[in-house]
């Protein structure tokens, strides 16, 4: 009986959809963006939470730029350049938000645009 349960669980795992790298990127960007929004909505009471979300967003964009810089990255050069510029803006704007000199909204809008691109089928 125990062997039957193990077999069932092994085959049921195969029924779950395979996550692609693009799906994983979408999930991560969504999670970070939601955290940015939630923390920002709390105002000054949520600043520590916002700082953590900003740090994670900055890490995410650092990973993106490292991937973009790889020779094996298949994206067109003009798209890579645009994404590098967005990453630099994100880095600079994050610093301003952490200094309480800017609003988080542009970072949320950038991430949302990335999510639209990922969802629409862009690489």
C-alpha atoms as a PDB file:
ATOM      1  CA  UNK A   1       0.000   0.000   0.000  1.00  0.00           C
ATOM      2  CA  UNK A   2       2.796   2.410   0.827  1.00  0.00           C
ATOM      3  CA  UNK A   3       4.375   1.776  -2.602  1.00  0.00           C
ATOM      4  CA  UNK A   4       1.056   2.585  -4.269  1.00  0.00           C
ATOM      5  CA  UNK A   5       0.843   5.945  -2.471  1.00  0.00           C
ATOM      6  CA  UNK A   6       4.407   6.762  -3.467  1.00  0.00           C
ATOM      7  CA  UNK A   7       3.654   5.929  -7.084  1.00  0.00           C
ATOM      8  CA  UNK A   8       0.535   8.088  -7.049  1.00  0.00           C
ATOM      9  CA  UNK A   9       2.415  11.038  -5.601  1.00  0.00           C
ATOM     10  CA  UNK A  10       5.237  10.627  -8.128  1.00  0.00           C
ATOM     11  CA  UNK A  11       2.830  10.635 -11.057  1.00  0.00           C
ATOM     12  CA  UNK A  12       0.667  13.422  -9.671  1.00  0.00           C
ATOM     13  CA  UNK A  13       3.729  15.660  -9.500  1.00  0.00           C
ATOM     14  CA  UNK A  14       4.189  15.114 -13.221  1.00  0.00           C
ATOM     15  CA  UNK A  15       0.714  16.550 -13.830  1.00  0.00           C
ATOM     16  CA  UNK A  16       1.694  19.958 -12.480  1.00  0.00           C
ATOM     17  CA  UNK A  17       2.651  22.468 -15.164  1.00  0.00           C
ATOM     18  CA  UNK A  18       6.326  23.105 -15.728  1.00  0.00           C
ATOM     19  CA  UNK A  19       7.453  26.588 -14.736  1.00  0.00           C
ATOM     20  CA  UNK A  20       9.487  28.350 -17.359  1.00  0.00           C
ATOM     21  CA  UNK A  21      12.172  30.916 -16.642  1.00  0.00           C
ATOM     22  CA  UNK A  22       9.828  33.603 -17.969  1.00  0.00           C
ATOM     23  CA  UNK A  23       7.045  32.474 -15.624  1.00  0.00           C
ATOM     24  CA  UNK A  24       9.484  32.534 -12.735  1.00  0.00           C
ATOM     25  CA  UNK A  25      10.637  36.064 -13.669  1.00  0.00           C
ATOM     26  CA  UNK A  26       7.011  37.152 -13.827  1.00  0.00           C
ATOM     27  CA  UNK A  27       6.297  35.741 -10.372  1.00  0.00           C
ATOM     28  CA  UNK A  28       9.362  37.367  -8.811  1.00  0.00           C
ATOM     29  CA  UNK A  29       8.712  40.789 -10.361  1.00  0.00           C
ATOM     30  CA  UNK A  30       5.050  40.553  -9.321  1.00  0.00           C
ATOM     31  CA  UNK A  31       5.963  39.677  -5.743  1.00  0.00           C
ATOM     32  CA  UNK A  32       8.472  42.534  -5.408  1.00  0.00           C
ATOM     33  CA  UNK A  33       6.112  45.028  -7.051  1.00  0.00           C
ATOM     34  CA  UNK A  34       3.266  44.100  -4.721  1.00  0.00           C
ATOM     35  CA  UNK A  35       5.564  44.562  -1.749  1.00  0.00           C
ATOM     36  CA  UNK A  36       6.574  48.016  -3.021  1.00  0.00           C
ATOM     37  CA  UNK A  37       2.920  49.015  -3.415  1.00  0.00           C
ATOM     38  CA  UNK A  38       1.824  47.607  -0.053  1.00  0.00           C
ATOM     39  CA  UNK A  39       4.651  49.269   1.838  1.00  0.00           C
ATOM     40  CA  UNK A  40       4.182  52.610   0.072  1.00  0.00           C
ATOM     41  CA  UNK A  41       0.478  52.615   0.932  1.00  0.00           C
ATOM     42  CA  UNK A  42       1.392  52.470   4.629  1.00  0.00           C
ATOM     43  CA  UNK A  43       3.130  55.830   4.396  1.00  0.00           C
ATOM     44  CA  UNK A  44       5.862  56.609   6.901  1.00  0.00           C
ATOM     45  CA  UNK A  45       4.727  53.703   9.095  1.00  0.00           C
ATOM     46  CA  UNK A  46       5.759  51.307   6.341  1.00  0.00           C
ATOM     47  CA  UNK A  47       9.134  52.849   5.539  1.00  0.00           C
ATOM     48  CA  UNK A  48      11.191  49.940   6.916  1.00  0.00           C
ATOM     49  CA  UNK A  49       9.079  47.522   4.895  1.00  0.00           C
ATOM     50  CA  UNK A  50       9.480  49.785   1.858  1.00  0.00           C
ATOM     51  CA  UNK A  51      13.244  49.894   2.320  1.00  0.00           C
ATOM     52  CA  UNK A  52      13.373  46.089   2.330  1.00  0.00           C
ATOM     53  CA  UNK A  53      11.217  45.890  -0.797  1.00  0.00           C
ATOM     54  CA  UNK A  54      13.371  48.532  -2.497  1.00  0.00           C
ATOM     55  CA  UNK A  55      16.490  46.569  -1.638  1.00  0.00           C
ATOM     56  CA  UNK A  56      14.973  43.413  -3.127  1.00  0.00           C
ATOM     57  CA  UNK A  57      13.892  45.327  -6.222  1.00  0.00           C
ATOM     58  CA  UNK A  58      17.418  46.671  -6.627  1.00  0.00           C
ATOM     59  CA  UNK A  59      18.813  43.132  -6.299  1.00  0.00           C
ATOM     60  CA  UNK A  60      16.347  41.936  -8.914  1.00  0.00           C
ATOM     61  CA  UNK A  61      17.454  44.607 -11.358  1.00  0.00           C
ATOM     62  CA  UNK A  62      21.099  43.741 -10.641  1.00  0.00           C
ATOM     63  CA  UNK A  63      20.338  40.161 -11.619  1.00  0.00           C
ATOM     64  CA  UNK A  64      18.624  41.402 -14.777  1.00  0.00           C
ATOM     65  CA  UNK A  65      21.649  43.485 -15.765  1.00  0.00           C
ATOM     66  CA  UNK A  66      24.030  40.598 -15.122  1.00  0.00           C
ATOM     67  CA  UNK A  67      21.881  38.414 -17.365  1.00  0.00           C
ATOM     68  CA  UNK A  68      21.682  41.114 -20.035  1.00  0.00           C
ATOM     69  CA  UNK A  69      25.463  41.406 -20.063  1.00  0.00           C
ATOM     70  CA  UNK A  70      25.954  37.727 -20.825  1.00  0.00           C
ATOM     71  CA  UNK A  71      26.955  36.926 -24.412  1.00  0.00           C
ATOM     72  CA  UNK A  72      24.407  34.113 -24.429  1.00  0.00           C
ATOM     73  CA  UNK A  73      21.500  36.519 -23.807  1.00  0.00           C
ATOM     74  CA  UNK A  74      19.316  36.314 -26.940  1.00  0.00           C
ATOM     75  CA  UNK A  75      17.594  39.703 -26.616  1.00  0.00           C
ATOM     76  CA  UNK A  76      18.165  42.255 -29.391  1.00  0.00           C
ATOM     77  CA  UNK A  77      20.869  44.816 -28.605  1.00  0.00           C
ATOM     78  CA  UNK A  78      18.471  47.783 -28.659  1.00  0.00           C
ATOM     79  CA  UNK A  79      16.202  46.103 -26.114  1.00  0.00           C
ATOM     80  CA  UNK A  80      19.199  45.248 -23.945  1.00  0.00           C
ATOM     81  CA  UNK A  81      20.294  48.880 -24.055  1.00  0.00           C
ATOM     82  CA  UNK A  82      16.825  50.076 -23.045  1.00  0.00           C
ATOM     83  CA  UNK A  83      16.748  47.607 -20.153  1.00  0.00           C
ATOM     84  CA  UNK A  84      20.224  48.699 -19.028  1.00  0.00           C
ATOM     85  CA  UNK A  85      18.965  52.296 -18.966  1.00  0.00           C
ATOM     86  CA  UNK A  86      15.901  51.280 -16.954  1.00  0.00           C
ATOM     87  CA  UNK A  87      18.155  49.423 -14.530  1.00  0.00           C
ATOM     88  CA  UNK A  88      20.325  52.505 -14.058  1.00  0.00           C
ATOM     89  CA  UNK A  89      17.264  54.695 -13.539  1.00  0.00           C
ATOM     90  CA  UNK A  90      15.929  52.155 -11.035  1.00  0.00           C
ATOM     91  CA  UNK A  91      19.214  52.201  -9.130  1.00  0.00           C
ATOM     92  CA  UNK A  92      19.327  55.998  -8.957  1.00  0.00           C
ATOM     93  CA  UNK A  93      15.645  56.442  -8.190  1.00  0.00           C
ATOM     94  CA  UNK A  94      15.774  53.811  -5.456  1.00  0.00           C
ATOM     95  CA  UNK A  95      18.448  55.867  -3.710  1.00  0.00           C
ATOM     96  CA  UNK A  96      16.214  58.942  -3.895  1.00  0.00           C
ATOM     97  CA  UNK A  97      13.240  57.044  -2.452  1.00  0.00           C
ATOM     98  CA  UNK A  98      15.401  55.749   0.387  1.00  0.00           C
ATOM     99  CA  UNK A  99      16.469  59.340   1.092  1.00  0.00           C
ATOM    100  CA  UNK A 100      12.772  60.281   1.082  1.00  0.00           C
ATOM    101  CA  UNK A 101      13.366  62.635  -1.843  1.00  0.00           C
ATOM    102  CA  UNK A 102      11.199  60.755  -4.365  1.00  0.00           C
ATOM    103  CA  UNK A 103       8.094  58.621  -4.683  1.00  0.00           C
ATOM    104  CA  UNK A 104       8.168  54.887  -5.373  1.00  0.00           C
ATOM    105  CA  UNK A 105       5.566  55.185  -8.162  1.00  0.00           C
ATOM    106  CA  UNK A 106       8.050  55.293 -11.110  1.00  0.00           C
ATOM    107  CA  UNK A 107       9.640  52.048  -9.894  1.00  0.00           C
ATOM    108  CA  UNK A 108       6.231  50.395  -9.696  1.00  0.00           C
ATOM    109  CA  UNK A 109       5.392  51.658 -13.193  1.00  0.00           C
ATOM    110  CA  UNK A 110       8.652  50.269 -14.604  1.00  0.00           C
ATOM    111  CA  UNK A 111       8.073  46.881 -13.010  1.00  0.00           C
ATOM    112  CA  UNK A 112       4.486  46.878 -14.266  1.00  0.00           C
ATOM    113  CA  UNK A 113       5.707  47.579 -17.804  1.00  0.00           C
ATOM    114  CA  UNK A 114       8.151  44.676 -17.487  1.00  0.00           C
ATOM    115  CA  UNK A 115       5.291  42.449 -16.320  1.00  0.00           C
ATOM    116  CA  UNK A 116       3.200  43.459 -19.339  1.00  0.00           C
ATOM    117  CA  UNK A 117       6.115  42.589 -21.611  1.00  0.00           C
ATOM    118  CA  UNK A 118       6.614  39.224 -19.969  1.00  0.00           C
ATOM    119  CA  UNK A 119       2.910  38.436 -20.108  1.00  0.00           C
ATOM    120  CA  UNK A 120       2.496  39.508 -23.732  1.00  0.00           C
ATOM    121  CA  UNK A 121       5.045  36.995 -24.899  1.00  0.00           C
ATOM    122  CA  UNK A 122       8.130  39.167 -25.123  1.00  0.00           C
ATOM    123  CA  UNK A 123      11.376  37.437 -24.257  1.00  0.00           C
END
